[in-house]
Amino acid sequence: MRNSKPKRLFLARHGESVANQQKLISGQLDTPLTEKGRNQAQWLCDVLKNEPLSAIYASSLSRAMETARPTAEYHGVDIQSVGNFKEIHFGIFQGRPVDETGMDALLLWRAKLTDEEILNIPVSESLGAFERRITEYLEFVLLNLMGTALIVAHRNTNEVILSKLLGLGTSTNAAINVKNKYLYEIELGDTPIVNTIRLGGEFHGKKFAGLKDE
């Protein structure tokens, strides 16, 4: 996924959604942002005010589109809605409380599954299909990007993207734990460089070298 054009990507997780607030397994449920989530969207816009964004991509789910909107309006850049960047489908677990069962969908996701296996949840999406659809569109983004772009998506989606961009192998790599209080800046090249930027709080806008997940 390389070409001769210089590329820089900012990668953000959507702000807090109603499902997050209620501690429900979201998956592809289309739930809006909470007031906190809308504040997080504004923090994202604030951090990116001086960045020359040439493109903004967001998962087609409303919580990602809402998160991207303040930044898009500030820069006068249209949001490109991307179905391929939606969260993984958690089947019948979607909408259930995260702690409803001892082995919930999030724990199953963390299991080291092979490409050919499926999550052991009825009507769920296979891990292989999930990674392929994300990789397919990510390649399109990289081939067509001039300058700097923002991608707003979901925890598992962003972990796949980071894994692919940084050459970390499987998306279940323990080194990746995407949080919505962080924005990730990836400078692509022969040796990709990642920085982590704090959104909100005492260290709002502070940049840390490498992946930060605490």
Protein backbone atom coordinates (compact mmCIF):
# COMPACT_ATOMS: atom_id res chain seq x y z
CA MET A 1 0.00 0.00 0.00
CA ARG A 2 2.71 2.51 -1.00
CA ASN A 3 3.29 4.93 -3.83
CA SER A 4 5.67 7.83 -4.46
CA LYS A 5 3.38 10.56 -3.13
CA PRO A 6 4.00 11.74 0.45
CA LYS A 7 1.07 10.88 2.69
CA ARG A 8 0.00 11.79 6.18
CA LEU A 9 -3.13 10.47 7.86
CA PHE A 10 -4.95 11.48 11.01
CA LEU A 11 -7.01 8.67 12.49
CA ALA A 12 -9.77 9.35 15.02
CA ARG A 13 -12.33 7.20 16.79
CA HIS A 14 -15.86 8.62 16.97
CA GLY A 15 -16.88 10.44 20.14
CA GLU A 16 -18.97 8.87 22.87
CA SER A 17 -22.26 7.52 21.49
CA VAL A 18 -25.53 6.80 23.28
CA ALA A 19 -24.70 3.09 23.10
CA ASN A 20 -21.28 3.74 24.67
CA GLN A 21 -22.91 5.76 27.44
CA GLN A 22 -25.39 2.95 28.12
CA LYS A 23 -22.56 0.37 27.99
CA LEU A 24 -24.12 -1.50 25.08
CA ILE A 25 -22.29 -3.45 22.38
CA SER A 26 -22.63 -1.11 19.39
CA GLY A 27 -21.31 -2.97 16.37
CA GLN A 28 -23.22 -1.59 13.40
CA LEU A 29 -26.10 -0.16 15.44
CA ASP A 30 -26.55 3.44 14.31
CA THR A 31 -26.59 5.43 17.54
CA PRO A 32 -25.97 9.21 17.79
CA LEU A 33 -23.40 11.03 19.86
CA THR A 34 -24.01 12.12 23.44
CA GLU A 35 -23.25 15.66 24.63
CA LYS A 36 -19.81 14.41 25.65
CA GLY A 37 -19.36 12.92 22.18
CA ARG A 38 -20.25 16.23 20.55
CA ASN A 39 -17.68 17.95 22.76
CA GLN A 40 -15.11 15.39 21.65
CA ALA A 41 -15.95 16.21 18.02
CA GLN A 42 -15.23 19.87 18.76
CA TRP A 43 -11.92 18.96 20.42
CA LEU A 44 -10.96 17.06 17.27
CA CYS A 45 -11.77 20.12 15.18
CA ASP A 46 -9.74 22.35 17.49
CA VAL A 47 -6.62 20.17 17.26
CA LEU A 48 -6.84 20.02 13.47
CA LYS A 49 -7.54 23.71 12.81
CA ASN A 50 -4.06 24.41 11.47
CA GLU A 51 -3.69 21.20 9.48
CA PRO A 52 -4.03 21.38 5.65
CA LEU A 53 -6.63 18.65 5.27
CA SER A 54 -7.28 17.69 1.67
CA ALA A 55 -9.79 14.91 2.38
CA ILE A 56 -12.00 13.63 5.19
CA TYR A 57 -13.31 10.07 5.27
CA ALA A 58 -15.78 8.78 7.84
CA SER A 59 -17.58 5.54 8.50
CA SER A 60 -21.13 5.82 7.18
CA LEU A 61 -22.52 5.23 10.70
CA SER A 62 -23.92 8.46 12.15
CA ARG A 63 -21.65 8.57 15.22
CA ALA A 64 -18.59 8.79 12.96
CA MET A 65 -20.18 11.26 10.55
CA GLU A 66 -21.21 13.49 13.49
CA THR A 67 -17.69 13.39 14.89
CA ALA A 68 -16.17 14.43 11.56
CA ARG A 69 -18.68 17.21 10.85
CA PRO A 70 -17.18 20.14 12.86
CA THR A 71 -13.75 19.56 11.31
CA ALA A 72 -15.24 19.26 7.82
CA GLU A 73 -17.23 22.46 8.22
CA TYR A 74 -14.22 24.38 9.55
CA HIS A 75 -12.00 23.31 6.63
CA GLY A 76 -14.71 23.49 3.97
CA VAL A 77 -14.05 19.87 3.01
CA ASP A 78 -16.85 17.42 2.19
CA ILE A 79 -17.04 14.26 4.29
CA GLN A 80 -16.71 11.13 2.19
CA SER A 81 -19.04 8.55 3.75
CA VAL A 82 -17.43 5.09 3.66
CA GLY A 83 -19.45 1.95 4.29
CA ASN A 84 -16.27 -0.14 4.28
CA PHE A 85 -15.09 1.68 7.43
CA LYS A 86 -18.09 0.66 9.55
CA GLU A 87 -17.51 -1.26 12.78
CA ILE A 88 -17.53 -5.06 12.67
CA HIS A 89 -21.01 -6.61 12.88
CA PHE A 90 -21.40 -8.34 16.24
CA GLY A 91 -24.53 -10.25 15.27
CA ILE A 92 -27.04 -10.99 18.01
CA PHE A 93 -24.81 -9.35 20.63
CA GLN A 94 -25.46 -5.89 19.14
CA GLY A 95 -27.53 -3.80 21.52
CA ARG A 96 -26.85 -6.05 24.50
CA PRO A 97 -25.08 -4.80 27.63
CA VAL A 98 -21.33 -5.35 27.48
CA ASP A 99 -21.39 -7.15 30.83
CA GLU A 100 -24.49 -9.25 30.13
CA THR A 101 -22.46 -12.42 29.67
CA GLY A 102 -19.12 -13.60 30.94
CA MET A 103 -17.82 -14.01 27.38
CA ASP A 104 -19.15 -11.05 25.44
CA ALA A 105 -18.48 -10.01 21.87
CA LEU A 106 -15.53 -7.80 22.76
CA LEU A 107 -13.72 -10.68 24.43
CA LEU A 108 -14.42 -12.89 21.45
CA TRP A 109 -12.97 -10.22 19.16
CA ARG A 110 -9.76 -10.25 21.15
CA ALA A 111 -9.36 -13.98 20.63
CA LYS A 112 -6.59 -14.89 18.19
CA LEU A 113 -8.77 -16.01 15.30
CA THR A 114 -7.41 -16.97 11.91
CA ASP A 115 -8.58 -15.33 8.71
CA GLU A 116 -10.84 -18.25 7.89
CA GLU A 117 -12.60 -18.44 11.23
CA ILE A 118 -15.70 -16.46 12.15
CA LEU A 119 -16.57 -14.86 15.43
CA ASN A 120 -18.61 -17.41 17.35
CA ILE A 121 -21.69 -15.20 17.40
CA PRO A 122 -24.83 -15.93 15.35
CA VAL A 123 -25.31 -13.62 12.34
CA SER A 124 -21.95 -11.92 12.93
CA GLU A 125 -19.37 -10.81 10.35
CA SER A 126 -16.25 -12.88 9.88
CA LEU A 127 -12.96 -11.38 10.98
CA GLY A 128 -11.48 -12.04 7.55
CA ALA A 129 -14.32 -10.25 5.74
CA PHE A 130 -14.06 -7.32 8.16
CA GLU A 131 -10.34 -6.86 7.58
CA ARG A 132 -10.64 -7.29 3.80
CA ARG A 133 -13.30 -4.61 3.38
CA ILE A 134 -11.28 -2.13 5.43
CA THR A 135 -8.01 -2.89 3.64
CA GLU A 136 -9.70 -2.58 0.25
CA TYR A 137 -10.86 0.98 0.90
CA LEU A 138 -7.69 1.98 2.73
CA GLU A 139 -5.71 1.10 -0.39
CA PHE A 140 -8.06 3.34 -2.41
CA VAL A 141 -7.48 6.21 0.05
CA LEU A 142 -3.70 5.87 -0.13
CA LEU A 143 -3.62 5.64 -3.91
CA ASN A 144 -5.73 8.77 -4.34
CA LEU A 145 -4.51 10.93 -1.48
CA MET A 146 -2.58 14.13 -2.07
CA GLY A 147 -1.38 15.72 1.15
CA THR A 148 -3.11 15.07 4.46
CA ALA A 149 -6.38 13.28 5.24
CA LEU A 150 -8.52 12.55 8.26
CA ILE A 151 -10.27 9.21 8.82
CA VAL A 152 -12.97 8.95 11.50
CA ALA A 153 -14.14 5.45 12.27
CA HIS A 154 -14.42 2.95 15.15
CA ARG A 155 -12.18 1.16 17.62
CA ASN A 156 -11.85 -2.15 15.79
CA THR A 157 -11.80 -0.48 12.35
CA ASN A 158 -9.03 1.87 13.45
CA GLU A 159 -7.02 -0.95 14.98
CA VAL A 160 -7.07 -2.72 11.61
CA ILE A 161 -6.01 0.50 9.84
CA LEU A 162 -3.15 1.15 12.27
CA SER A 163 -2.04 -2.45 12.01
CA LYS A 164 -1.91 -2.26 8.21
CA LEU A 165 -0.20 1.14 8.06
CA LEU A 166 2.44 0.34 10.68
CA GLY A 167 3.11 -3.21 9.54
CA LEU A 168 2.20 -4.69 12.92
CA GLY A 169 0.58 -7.81 11.50
CA THR A 170 -2.72 -8.98 12.94
CA SER A 171 -5.28 -6.35 13.96
CA THR A 172 -5.54 -8.07 17.35
CA ASN A 173 -1.97 -7.00 18.12
CA ALA A 174 -1.80 -6.14 21.81
CA ALA A 175 0.21 -2.99 21.02
CA ILE A 176 -2.91 -1.34 19.57
CA ASN A 177 -5.73 -0.15 21.81
CA VAL A 178 -7.57 2.74 20.18
CA LYS A 179 -9.28 5.24 22.50
CA ASN A 180 -11.48 8.20 21.59
CA LYS A 181 -9.45 10.54 23.80
CA TYR A 182 -6.57 10.21 21.35
CA LEU A 183 -5.99 11.26 17.75
CA TYR A 184 -3.35 9.30 15.84
CA GLU A 185 -1.05 10.98 13.31
CA ILE A 186 0.66 8.63 10.87
CA GLU A 187 3.45 9.81 8.58
CA LEU A 188 3.87 7.20 5.90
CA GLY A 189 7.11 6.26 4.24
CA ASP A 190 9.63 3.45 4.20
CA THR A 191 9.49 3.54 7.99
CA PRO A 192 6.07 4.85 9.10
CA ILE A 193 6.02 7.15 12.12
CA VAL A 194 3.04 7.44 14.48
CA ASN A 195 2.31 10.16 17.03
CA THR A 196 -0.55 10.24 19.53
CA ILE A 197 -2.35 13.52 20.25
CA ARG A 198 -4.51 14.07 23.34
CA LEU A 199 -8.06 15.32 22.81
CA GLY A 200 -9.56 17.20 25.75
CA GLY A 201 -8.45 17.30 29.35
CA GLU A 202 -5.39 18.91 30.89
CA PHE A 203 -3.10 17.86 28.03
CA HIS A 204 -5.44 18.76 25.16
CA GLY A 205 -3.43 19.01 21.94
CA LYS A 206 -0.25 17.54 23.44
CA LYS A 207 1.60 15.23 21.03
CA PHE A 208 3.30 12.04 22.23
CA ALA A 209 5.72 10.00 20.13
CA GLY A 210 4.50 6.50 19.32
CA LEU A 211 1.29 4.70 20.26
CA LYS A 212 -0.14 5.78 23.60
CA ASP A 213 -3.02 3.77 25.07
CA GLU A 214 -3.13 4.33 28.84
